[in-house]
Amino acid sequence: GVGSSIGLDRLIAGLESLGKLKGRGSYARAAVACIREEDGG
């Protein structure tokens, strides 16, 4: 056989050092504001 392994953590450390990963706090691209709790539905 033949194969390879990506060291994810080392790769991420490198990409972060190069500014290629910026971090995101959410997967959401939009949010709906809560004006009145009773309008939650």
PDB file of all heavy atoms in Angstrom:
ATOM      1  N   GLY A   1       0.817  -1.207   0.000  1.00  0.00           N
ATOM      2  CA  GLY A   1       0.000   0.000   0.000  1.00  0.00           C
ATOM      3  C   GLY A   1       0.846   1.250   0.000  1.00  0.00           C
ATOM      4  O   GLY A   1       2.068   1.215   0.143  1.00  0.00           O
ATOM      5  N   VAL A   2       0.172   2.384  -0.173  1.00  0.00           N
ATOM      6  CA  VAL A   2       0.826   3.684  -0.125  1.00  0.00           C
ATOM      7  C   VAL A   2      -0.169   4.673   0.458  1.00  0.00           C
ATOM      8  O   VAL A   2      -1.373   4.605   0.183  1.00  0.00           O
ATOM      9  CB  VAL A   2       1.290   4.128  -1.531  1.00  0.00           C
ATOM     10  CG1 VAL A   2       0.119   4.217  -2.503  1.00  0.00           C
ATOM     11  CG2 VAL A   2       2.055   5.450  -1.464  1.00  0.00           C
ATOM     12  N   GLY A   3       0.319   5.557   1.310  1.00  0.00           N
ATOM     13  CA  GLY A   3      -0.606   6.493   1.933  1.00  0.00           C
ATOM     14  C   GLY A   3       0.097   7.677   2.551  1.00  0.00           C
ATOM     15  O   GLY A   3       1.325   7.788   2.530  1.00  0.00           O
ATOM     16  N   SER A   4      -0.712   8.566   3.104  1.00  0.00           N
ATOM     17  CA  SER A   4      -0.177   9.778   3.697  1.00  0.00           C
ATOM     18  C   SER A   4      -1.081  10.233   4.833  1.00  0.00           C
ATOM     19  O   SER A   4      -2.205   9.749   4.990  1.00  0.00           O
ATOM     20  CB  SER A   4      -0.074  10.886   2.638  1.00  0.00           C
ATOM     21  OG  SER A   4       0.651  11.982   3.133  1.00  0.00           O
ATOM     22  N   SER A   5      -0.573  11.162   5.632  1.00  0.00           N
ATOM     23  CA  SER A   5      -1.325  11.673   6.764  1.00  0.00           C
ATOM     24  C   SER A   5      -1.116  13.180   6.882  1.00  0.00           C
ATOM     25  O   SER A   5       0.020  13.657   6.890  1.00  0.00           O
ATOM     26  CB  SER A   5      -0.879  10.981   8.064  1.00  0.00           C
ATOM     27  OG  SER A   5      -1.569  11.518   9.173  1.00  0.00           O
ATOM     28  N   ILE A   6      -2.213  13.909   6.959  1.00  0.00           N
ATOM     29  CA  ILE A   6      -2.157  15.350   7.203  1.00  0.00           C
ATOM     30  C   ILE A   6      -2.201  15.576   8.708  1.00  0.00           C
ATOM     31  O   ILE A   6      -3.132  15.121   9.378  1.00  0.00           O
ATOM     32  CB  ILE A   6      -3.329  16.080   6.531  1.00  0.00           C
ATOM     33  CG1 ILE A   6      -3.259  15.944   5.009  1.00  0.00           C
ATOM     34  CG2 ILE A   6      -3.349  17.558   6.930  1.00  0.00           C
ATOM     35  CD1 ILE A   6      -4.461  16.527   4.283  1.00  0.00           C
ATOM     36  N   GLY A   7      -1.197  16.255   9.242  1.00  0.00           N
ATOM     37  CA  GLY A   7      -1.219  16.635  10.653  1.00  0.00           C
ATOM     38  C   GLY A   7      -2.045  17.898  10.808  1.00  0.00           C
ATOM     39  O   GLY A   7      -1.543  19.015  10.627  1.00  0.00           O
ATOM     40  N   LEU A   8      -3.321  17.727  11.110  1.00  0.00           N
ATOM     41  CA  LEU A   8      -4.261  18.846  11.082  1.00  0.00           C
ATOM     42  C   LEU A   8      -3.844  19.978  12.011  1.00  0.00           C
ATOM     43  O   LEU A   8      -3.906  21.148  11.640  1.00  0.00           O
ATOM     44  CB  LEU A   8      -5.663  18.352  11.447  1.00  0.00           C
ATOM     45  CG  LEU A   8      -6.762  19.424  11.397  1.00  0.00           C
ATOM     46  CD1 LEU A   8      -7.039  19.836   9.962  1.00  0.00           C
ATOM     47  CD2 LEU A   8      -8.038  18.919  12.052  1.00  0.00           C
ATOM     48  N   ASP A   9      -3.425  19.647  13.230  1.00  0.00           N
ATOM     49  CA  ASP A   9      -3.123  20.689  14.208  1.00  0.00           C
ATOM     50  C   ASP A   9      -1.898  21.505  13.813  1.00  0.00           C
ATOM     51  O   ASP A   9      -1.875  22.724  13.975  1.00  0.00           O
ATOM     52  CB  ASP A   9      -2.937  20.055  15.590  1.00  0.00           C
ATOM     53  CG  ASP A   9      -4.201  19.345  16.048  1.00  0.00           C
ATOM     54  OD1 ASP A   9      -5.077  20.008  16.623  1.00  0.00           O
ATOM     55  OD2 ASP A   9      -4.329  18.136  15.798  1.00  0.00           O
ATOM     56  N   ARG A  10      -0.873  20.828  13.296  1.00  0.00           N
ATOM     57  CA  ARG A  10       0.299  21.559  12.821  1.00  0.00           C
ATOM     58  C   ARG A  10      -0.061  22.414  11.616  1.00  0.00           C
ATOM     59  O   ARG A  10       0.395  23.559  11.495  1.00  0.00           O
ATOM     60  CB  ARG A  10       1.419  20.590  12.475  1.00  0.00           C
ATOM     61  CG  ARG A  10       2.680  21.298  11.997  1.00  0.00           C
ATOM     62  CD  ARG A  10       3.809  20.334  11.711  1.00  0.00           C
ATOM     63  NE  ARG A  10       4.301  19.700  12.923  1.00  0.00           N
ATOM     64  CZ  ARG A  10       5.402  18.959  12.967  1.00  0.00           C
ATOM     65  NH1 ARG A  10       6.110  18.770  11.877  1.00  0.00           N
ATOM     66  NH2 ARG A  10       5.791  18.412  14.097  1.00  0.00           N
ATOM     67  N   LEU A  11      -0.885  21.875  10.725  1.00  0.00           N
ATOM     68  CA  LEU A  11      -1.311  22.636   9.550  1.00  0.00           C
ATOM     69  C   LEU A  11      -2.089  23.878   9.968  1.00  0.00           C
ATOM     70  O   LEU A  11      -1.852  24.977   9.460  1.00  0.00           O
ATOM     71  CB  LEU A  11      -2.168  21.750   8.644  1.00  0.00           C
ATOM     72  CG  LEU A  11      -2.774  22.419   7.407  1.00  0.00           C
ATOM     73  CD1 LEU A  11      -1.689  22.982   6.502  1.00  0.00           C
ATOM     74  CD2 LEU A  11      -3.649  21.437   6.636  1.00  0.00           C
ATOM     75  N   ILE A  12      -3.017  23.713  10.925  1.00  0.00           N
ATOM     76  CA  ILE A  12      -3.801  24.854  11.396  1.00  0.00           C
ATOM     77  C   ILE A  12      -2.904  25.893  12.046  1.00  0.00           C
ATOM     78  O   ILE A  12      -3.069  27.102  11.829  1.00  0.00           O
ATOM     79  CB  ILE A  12      -4.903  24.376  12.371  1.00  0.00           C
ATOM     80  CG1 ILE A  12      -6.014  23.669  11.593  1.00  0.00           C
ATOM     81  CG2 ILE A  12      -5.483  25.553  13.163  1.00  0.00           C
ATOM     82  CD1 ILE A  12      -7.096  23.073  12.463  1.00  0.00           C
ATOM     83  N   ALA A  13      -1.925  25.453  12.849  1.00  0.00           N
ATOM     84  CA  ALA A  13      -0.993  26.389  13.471  1.00  0.00           C
ATOM     85  C   ALA A  13      -0.257  27.199  12.407  1.00  0.00           C
ATOM     86  O   ALA A  13      -0.058  28.414  12.545  1.00  0.00           O
ATOM     87  CB  ALA A  13      -0.001  25.640  14.357  1.00  0.00           C
ATOM     88  N   GLY A  14       0.121  26.532  11.316  1.00  0.00           N
ATOM     89  CA  GLY A  14       0.801  27.224  10.228  1.00  0.00           C
ATOM     90  C   GLY A  14      -0.106  28.204   9.518  1.00  0.00           C
ATOM     91  O   GLY A  14       0.286  29.352   9.252  1.00  0.00           O
ATOM     92  N   LEU A  15      -1.326  27.792   9.225  1.00  0.00           N
ATOM     93  CA  LEU A  15      -2.267  28.667   8.529  1.00  0.00           C
ATOM     94  C   LEU A  15      -2.640  29.872   9.389  1.00  0.00           C
ATOM     95  O   LEU A  15      -2.823  30.981   8.879  1.00  0.00           O
ATOM     96  CB  LEU A  15      -3.525  27.881   8.142  1.00  0.00           C
ATOM     97  CG  LEU A  15      -3.323  26.753   7.123  1.00  0.00           C
ATOM     98  CD1 LEU A  15      -4.640  26.026   6.865  1.00  0.00           C
ATOM     99  CD2 LEU A  15      -2.748  27.290   5.813  1.00  0.00           C
ATOM    100  N   GLU A  16      -2.744  29.661  10.710  1.00  0.00           N
ATOM    101  CA  GLU A  16      -3.022  30.784  11.605  1.00  0.00           C
ATOM    102  C   GLU A  16      -1.865  31.768  11.621  1.00  0.00           C
ATOM    103  O   GLU A  16      -2.068  32.991  11.604  1.00  0.00           O
ATOM    104  CB  GLU A  16      -3.299  30.264  13.021  1.00  0.00           C
ATOM    105  CG  GLU A  16      -4.650  29.586  13.167  1.00  0.00           C
ATOM    106  CD  GLU A  16      -4.852  28.964  14.541  1.00  0.00           C
ATOM    107  OE1 GLU A  16      -3.854  28.775  15.273  1.00  0.00           O
ATOM    108  OE2 GLU A  16      -6.021  28.646  14.872  1.00  0.00           O
ATOM    109  N   SER A  17      -0.633  31.259  11.637  1.00  0.00           N
ATOM    110  CA  SER A  17       0.544  32.128  11.612  1.00  0.00           C
ATOM    111  C   SER A  17       0.598  32.963  10.335  1.00  0.00           C
ATOM    112  O   SER A  17       1.072  34.101  10.334  1.00  0.00           O
ATOM    113  CB  SER A  17       1.822  31.300  11.737  1.00  0.00           C
ATOM    114  OG  SER A  17       1.898  30.643  12.980  1.00  0.00           O
ATOM    115  N   LEU A  18       0.110  32.384   9.255  1.00  0.00           N
ATOM    116  CA  LEU A  18       0.120  33.080   7.967  1.00  0.00           C
ATOM    117  C   LEU A  18      -1.105  33.964   7.756  1.00  0.00           C
ATOM    118  O   LEU A  18      -1.246  34.600   6.713  1.00  0.00           O
ATOM    119  CB  LEU A  18       0.210  32.049   6.831  1.00  0.00           C
ATOM    120  CG  LEU A  18       1.494  31.221   6.783  1.00  0.00           C
ATOM    121  CD1 LEU A  18       1.369  30.100   5.758  1.00  0.00           C
ATOM    122  CD2 LEU A  18       2.694  32.112   6.477  1.00  0.00           C
ATOM    123  N   GLY A  19      -2.005  33.985   8.749  1.00  0.00           N
ATOM    124  CA  GLY A  19      -3.201  34.811   8.642  1.00  0.00           C
ATOM    125  C   GLY A  19      -4.243  34.270   7.694  1.00  0.00           C
ATOM    126  O   GLY A  19      -5.114  35.011   7.225  1.00  0.00           O
ATOM    127  N   LYS A  20      -4.177  32.963   7.402  1.00  0.00           N
ATOM    128  CA  LYS A  20      -5.127  32.360   6.466  1.00  0.00           C
ATOM    129  C   LYS A  20      -6.375  31.833   7.166  1.00  0.00           C
ATOM    130  O   LYS A  20      -7.336  31.426   6.506  1.00  0.00           O
ATOM    131  CB  LYS A  20      -4.444  31.236   5.680  1.00  0.00           C
ATOM    132  CG  LYS A  20      -3.316  31.724   4.772  1.00  0.00           C
ATOM    133  CD  LYS A  20      -2.676  30.579   4.010  1.00  0.00           C
ATOM    134  CE  LYS A  20      -1.518  31.049   3.146  1.00  0.00           C
ATOM    135  NZ  LYS A  20      -1.968  31.898   2.019  1.00  0.00           N
ATOM    136  N   LEU A  21      -6.355  31.792   8.505  1.00  0.00           N
ATOM    137  CA  LEU A  21      -7.526  31.410   9.281  1.00  0.00           C
ATOM    138  C   LEU A  21      -7.837  32.540  10.254  1.00  0.00           C
ATOM    139  O   LEU A  21      -6.980  32.934  11.040  1.00  0.00           O
ATOM    140  CB  LEU A  21      -7.272  30.109  10.062  1.00  0.00           C
ATOM    141  CG  LEU A  21      -7.063  28.837   9.254  1.00  0.00           C
ATOM    142  CD1 LEU A  21      -6.820  27.664  10.189  1.00  0.00           C
ATOM    143  CD2 LEU A  21      -8.258  28.546   8.357  1.00  0.00           C
ATOM    144  N   LYS A  22      -9.044  33.040  10.223  1.00  0.00           N
ATOM    145  CA  LYS A  22      -9.381  34.204  11.028  1.00  0.00           C
ATOM    146  C   LYS A  22     -10.342  33.878  12.179  1.00  0.00           C
ATOM    147  O   LYS A  22     -10.498  34.655  13.102  1.00  0.00           O
ATOM    148  CB  LYS A  22      -9.989  35.297  10.141  1.00  0.00           C
ATOM    149  CG  LYS A  22      -9.057  35.702   8.999  1.00  0.00           C
ATOM    150  CD  LYS A  22      -9.576  36.895   8.246  1.00  0.00           C
ATOM    151  CE  LYS A  22      -8.665  37.245   7.079  1.00  0.00           C
ATOM    152  NZ  LYS A  22      -7.305  37.574   7.477  1.00  0.00           N
ATOM    153  N   GLY A  23     -10.973  32.743  12.155  1.00  0.00           N
ATOM    154  CA  GLY A  23     -11.893  32.377  13.227  1.00  0.00           C
ATOM    155  C   GLY A  23     -13.284  32.962  12.996  1.00  0.00           C
ATOM    156  O   GLY A  23     -13.432  34.104  12.564  1.00  0.00           O
ATOM    157  N   ARG A  24     -14.296  32.159  13.268  1.00  0.00           N
ATOM    158  CA  ARG A  24     -15.688  32.600  13.128  1.00  0.00           C
ATOM    159  C   ARG A  24     -16.457  32.171  14.356  1.00  0.00           C
ATOM    160  O   ARG A  24     -16.256  31.088  14.886  1.00  0.00           O
ATOM    161  CB  ARG A  24     -16.320  31.963  11.887  1.00  0.00           C
ATOM    162  CG  ARG A  24     -15.823  32.541  10.583  1.00  0.00           C
ATOM    163  CD  ARG A  24     -16.276  31.740   9.392  1.00  0.00           C
ATOM    164  NE  ARG A  24     -17.704  31.464   9.402  1.00  0.00           N
ATOM    165  CZ  ARG A  24     -18.347  30.912   8.372  1.00  0.00           C
ATOM    166  NH1 ARG A  24     -17.686  30.594   7.282  1.00  0.00           N
ATOM    167  NH2 ARG A  24     -19.635  30.683   8.431  1.00  0.00           N
ATOM    168  N   GLY A  25     -17.338  33.043  14.826  1.00  0.00           N
ATOM    169  CA  GLY A  25     -18.095  32.743  16.029  1.00  0.00           C
ATOM    170  C   GLY A  25     -19.408  32.047  15.783  1.00  0.00           C
ATOM    171  O   GLY A  25     -20.104  31.667  16.735  1.00  0.00           O
ATOM    172  N   SER A  26     -19.792  31.881  14.517  1.00  0.00           N
ATOM    173  CA  SER A  26     -21.084  31.265  14.220  1.00  0.00           C
ATOM    174  C   SER A  26     -21.091  30.762  12.787  1.00  0.00           C
ATOM    175  O   SER A  26     -20.394  31.298  11.917  1.00  0.00           O
ATOM    176  CB  SER A  26     -22.217  32.284  14.416  1.00  0.00           C
ATOM    177  OG  SER A  26     -23.462  31.746  14.016  1.00  0.00           O
ATOM    178  N   TYR A  27     -21.888  29.738  12.541  1.00  0.00           N
ATOM    179  CA  TYR A  27     -22.140  29.294  11.176  1.00  0.00           C
ATOM    180  C   TYR A  27     -23.217  30.157  10.513  1.00  0.00           C
ATOM    181  O   TYR A  27     -23.356  30.167   9.299  1.00  0.00           O
ATOM    182  CB  TYR A  27     -22.629  27.846  11.161  1.00  0.00           C
ATOM    183  CG  TYR A  27     -21.546  26.815  11.391  1.00  0.00           C
ATOM    184  CD1 TYR A  27     -21.468  26.114  12.588  1.00  0.00           C
ATOM    185  CD2 TYR A  27     -20.616  26.512  10.400  1.00  0.00           C
ATOM    186  CE1 TYR A  27     -20.489  25.146  12.796  1.00  0.00           C
ATOM    187  CE2 TYR A  27     -19.629  25.557  10.594  1.00  0.00           C
ATOM    188  CZ  TYR A  27     -19.574  24.876  11.800  1.00  0.00           C
ATOM    189  OH  TYR A  27     -18.604  23.930  12.003  1.00  0.00           O
ATOM    190  N   ALA A  28     -24.000  30.859  11.326  1.00  0.00           N
ATOM    191  CA  ALA A  28     -25.131  31.623  10.808  1.00  0.00           C
ATOM    192  C   ALA A  28     -24.657  32.810   9.986  1.00  0.00           C
ATOM    193  O   ALA A  28     -23.699  33.494  10.344  1.00  0.00           O
ATOM    194  CB  ALA A  28     -26.013  32.101  11.951  1.00  0.00           C
ATOM    195  N   ARG A  29     -25.325  33.055   8.892  1.00  0.00           N
ATOM    196  CA  ARG A  29     -25.040  34.213   8.046  1.00  0.00           C
ATOM    197  C   ARG A  29     -26.061  35.332   8.259  1.00  0.00           C
ATOM    198  O   ARG A  29     -25.858  36.444   7.773  1.00  0.00           O
ATOM    199  CB  ARG A  29     -25.025  33.816   6.576  1.00  0.00           C
ATOM    200  CG  ARG A  29     -23.988  32.752   6.228  1.00  0.00           C
ATOM    201  CD  ARG A  29     -22.545  33.273   6.320  1.00  0.00           C
ATOM    202  NE  ARG A  29     -22.030  33.308   7.683  1.00  0.00           N
ATOM    203  CZ  ARG A  29     -21.007  34.047   8.080  1.00  0.00           C
ATOM    204  NH1 ARG A  29     -20.422  34.852   7.247  1.00  0.00           N
ATOM    205  NH2 ARG A  29     -20.614  34.015   9.353  1.00  0.00           N
ATOM    206  N   ALA A  30     -27.130  35.006   8.948  1.00  0.00           N
ATOM    207  CA  ALA A  30     -28.140  36.016   9.263  1.00  0.00           C
ATOM    208  C   ALA A  30     -28.749  35.683  10.615  1.00  0.00           C
ATOM    209  O   ALA A  30     -28.746  34.531  11.045  1.00  0.00           O
ATOM    210  CB  ALA A  30     -29.229  36.064   8.188  1.00  0.00           C
ATOM    211  N   ALA A  31     -29.244  36.714  11.305  1.00  0.00           N
ATOM    212  CA  ALA A  31     -29.921  36.527  12.595  1.00  0.00           C
ATOM    213  C   ALA A  31     -31.243  37.276  12.567  1.00  0.00           C
ATOM    214  O   ALA A  31     -31.378  38.315  11.900  1.00  0.00           O
ATOM    215  CB  ALA A  31     -29.050  37.025  13.738  1.00  0.00           C
ATOM    216  N   VAL A  32     -32.235  36.748  13.271  1.00  0.00           N
ATOM    217  CA  VAL A  32     -33.533  37.407  13.406  1.00  0.00           C
ATOM    218  C   VAL A  32     -33.610  38.004  14.807  1.00  0.00           C
ATOM    219  O   VAL A  32     -33.452  37.288  15.804  1.00  0.00           O
ATOM    220  CB  VAL A  32     -34.698  36.429  13.190  1.00  0.00           C
ATOM    221  CG1 VAL A  32     -36.035  37.163  13.318  1.00  0.00           C
ATOM    222  CG2 VAL A  32     -34.592  35.761  11.818  1.00  0.00           C
ATOM    223  N   ALA A  33     -33.812  39.319  14.889  1.00  0.00           N
ATOM    224  CA  ALA A  33     -33.856  39.997  16.176  1.00  0.00           C
ATOM    225  C   ALA A  33     -35.134  39.623  16.938  1.00  0.00           C
ATOM    226  O   ALA A  33     -36.170  39.321  16.342  1.00  0.00           O
ATOM    227  CB  ALA A  33     -33.791  41.503  15.973  1.00  0.00           C
ATOM    228  N   CYS A  34     -35.022  39.644  18.265  1.00  0.00           N
ATOM    229  CA  CYS A  34     -36.183  39.396  19.117  1.00  0.00           C
ATOM    230  C   CYS A  34     -36.743  40.745  19.566  1.00  0.00           C
ATOM    231  O   CYS A  34     -36.148  41.430  20.405  1.00  0.00           O
ATOM    232  CB  CYS A  34     -35.775  38.555  20.333  1.00  0.00           C
ATOM    233  SG  CYS A  34     -37.142  38.209  21.461  1.00  0.00           S
ATOM    234  N   ILE A  35     -37.875  41.149  18.981  1.00  0.00           N
ATOM    235  CA  ILE A  35     -38.505  42.413  19.346  1.00  0.00           C
ATOM    236  C   ILE A  35     -39.476  42.195  20.503  1.00  0.00           C
ATOM    237  O   ILE A  35     -39.477  42.934  21.481  1.00  0.00           O
ATOM    238  CB  ILE A  35     -39.252  43.019  18.143  1.00  0.00           C
ATOM    239  CG1 ILE A  35     -38.282  43.178  16.949  1.00  0.00           C
ATOM    240  CG2 ILE A  35     -39.878  44.360  18.515  1.00  0.00           C
ATOM    241  CD1 ILE A  35     -37.096  44.065  17.230  1.00  0.00           C
ATOM    242  N   ARG A  36     -40.292  41.154  20.383  1.00  0.00           N
ATOM    243  CA  ARG A  36     -41.215  40.767  21.463  1.00  0.00           C
ATOM    244  C   ARG A  36     -41.146  39.258  21.626  1.00  0.00           C
ATOM    245  O   ARG A  36     -41.244  38.515  20.649  1.00  0.00           O
ATOM    246  CB  ARG A  36     -42.645  41.199  21.132  1.00  0.00           C
ATOM    247  CG  ARG A  36     -42.881  42.706  21.192  1.00  0.00           C
ATOM    248  CD  ARG A  36     -44.296  43.055  20.764  1.00  0.00           C
ATOM    249  NE  ARG A  36     -44.520  42.692  19.355  1.00  0.00           N
ATOM    250  CZ  ARG A  36     -44.211  43.499  18.339  1.00  0.00           C
ATOM    251  NH1 ARG A  36     -43.689  44.695  18.570  1.00  0.00           N
ATOM    252  NH2 ARG A  36     -44.438  43.110  17.102  1.00  0.00           N
ATOM    253  N   GLU A  37     -40.990  38.822  22.845  1.00  0.00           N
ATOM    254  CA  GLU A  37     -40.847  37.391  23.087  1.00  0.00           C
ATOM    255  C   GLU A  37     -42.051  36.613  22.582  1.00  0.00           C
ATOM    256  O   GLU A  37     -41.914  35.497  22.072  1.00  0.00           O
ATOM    257  CB  GLU A  37     -40.635  37.134  24.585  1.00  0.00           C
ATOM    258  CG  GLU A  37     -40.333  35.667  24.908  1.00  0.00           C
ATOM    259  CD  GLU A  37     -40.065  35.432  26.383  1.00  0.00           C
ATOM    260  OE1 GLU A  37     -39.946  36.431  27.129  1.00  0.00           O
ATOM    261  OE2 GLU A  37     -39.976  34.247  26.778  1.00  0.00           O
ATOM    262  N   GLU A  38     -43.242  37.216  22.683  1.00  0.00           N
ATOM    263  CA  GLU A  38     -44.442  36.508  22.263  1.00  0.00           C
ATOM    264  C   GLU A  38     -44.506  36.305  20.742  1.00  0.00           C
ATOM    265  O   GLU A  38     -45.340  35.537  20.243  1.00  0.00           O
ATOM    266  CB  GLU A  38     -45.712  37.243  22.737  1.00  0.00           C
ATOM    267  CG  GLU A  38     -45.847  38.670  22.249  1.00  0.00           C
ATOM    268  CD  GLU A  38     -45.280  39.688  23.234  1.00  0.00           C
ATOM    269  OE1 GLU A  38     -44.358  39.324  23.999  1.00  0.00           O
ATOM    270  OE2 GLU A  38     -45.788  40.827  23.245  1.00  0.00           O
ATOM    271  N   ASP A  39     -43.656  36.991  19.998  1.00  0.00           N
ATOM    272  CA  ASP A  39     -43.600  36.819  18.543  1.00  0.00           C
ATOM    273  C   ASP A  39     -42.534  35.794  18.126  1.00  0.00           C
ATOM    274  O   ASP A  39     -42.124  35.748  16.961  1.00  0.00           O
ATOM    275  CB  ASP A  39     -43.299  38.159  17.861  1.00  0.00           C
ATOM    276  CG  ASP A  39     -44.452  39.145  17.999  1.00  0.00           C
ATOM    277  OD1 ASP A  39     -45.596  38.681  18.205  1.00  0.00           O
ATOM    278  OD2 ASP A  39     -44.204  40.361  17.919  1.00  0.00           O
ATOM    279  N   GLY A  40     -42.102  34.985  19.086  1.00  0.00           N
ATOM    280  CA  GLY A  40     -41.052  34.008  18.810  1.00  0.00           C
ATOM    281  C   GLY A  40     -41.403  33.043  17.700  1.00  0.00           C
ATOM    282  O   GLY A  40     -40.537  32.637  16.919  1.00  0.00           O
ATOM    283  N   GLY A  41     -42.655  32.666  17.604  1.00  0.00           N
ATOM    284  CA  GLY A  41     -43.077  31.749  16.545  1.00  0.00           C
ATOM    285  C   GLY A  41     -42.925  32.372  15.176  1.00  0.00           C
ATOM    286  O   GLY A  41     -42.497  31.711  14.210  1.00  0.00           O
TER     287      GLY A  41
END
